[in-house]
């Protein structure tokens, strides 16, 4: 655990949830390299308020699997919260199983579902329910000579298979296409172990999930904030990669941060999905905020110093949030893990966020995201239902 001492539519269709291959992940990371200022770290003085236990920083490589890395990191912190020794859970085991299920849905829907290696936070919970879980040491997904995920070739081949199936050249689908599709995935990622030894005991994925990880998947909920569903009811999360058509609770923008705040204070971390393709999101400097001035209206000096110290932010409204989502300014780019709370030198609060891009930035894999950024740019959060404030839980009928 690290301790702190101190748009368009094309983009949406090629990043995080809608990624066609690992190339989209590389494009996202590379596009953010210009979002940086010199001496940013020296200009911020962060003081830790809450820092909950979390496991080591990972690197998802050239794969759109941030949803699996962030949600599994969240489950590892849940183990710690329950007094268990956290296990490094295989992110690619979750992803592999989701790819199998996504392929089935793609064919069932005659190709009218997003493909790619992206996904949603709750996919990890659903795969945990159906397939169980395994430790990273048992299933790394590195089965073809790379030391990091590189899923472009696999994605191109599996997409071609599914498209051929949907064309239905035989006039009736055979029972063999699933075997062929799954065999390609397993040839790249590795055969799923039917049983394995861990710490001197034999497990199946299902028994490992139950006996070692030990979470109840029914305890976890997804929450979002849009006007497409009445507040405090459940509705469809309308993002491209909700291929399983999961429903989420709908709350107001201010409720999102109220839930995150309550969760952190009670010892629960939060899985987060949202937009990181903003000029005010800097992976290099480890800071994300909402600007009160459009980037193209800034002076050259303002642009050069955009991440050098705290900046004023506008207040996020439900209307502003919805507008940015509807005009593709907010896209479902990325998934991360909120593990704590910090204050800057002016007393403004930021969430401490764990990423899955290695330790290449100023804070060795972590970043600081303002509450206004979370209100404006979240597409969904996932929490333990006990982390929701009681008044909101009552409204949501949890």
Foldseek 3Di string as FASTA:
>chain_A
DFDDVFFDVVLQCCFAQNNLWLVSVVVLVVLQQLLDAPPLVVQWGKDFDFFADWDDFAAQHSFSQQLLVALLRQLQSVCVVVVANGFQWASVLLQLVVLLVLLVLCLVVLNPARDGSHAHNCSSLVCCVVAATDGCVVFVQAQDPDPHDGTHVLSVVLVVLSNVQSVPPVVDHDPCSSVVSSVSSCNRRNDQDQWDDDPRDIDGRNVCRCPRSNDDSVQKFKEFAAPPDPALEWAFLPARNVSVRDIHHYHFLVQVVVLQVLQRVVNRKKKFWWDQSDSQRHPQAQEHAAAPDDPVPDDPVCSNCVSNHDDDHDADGSVLLHVCVVRGVMHRRRMWMFRGWIAIPVGFIWTWIAGRNALNHPSGRIHTYGSRCRSRITSMMMTRLVSRPPVSCVSNVD
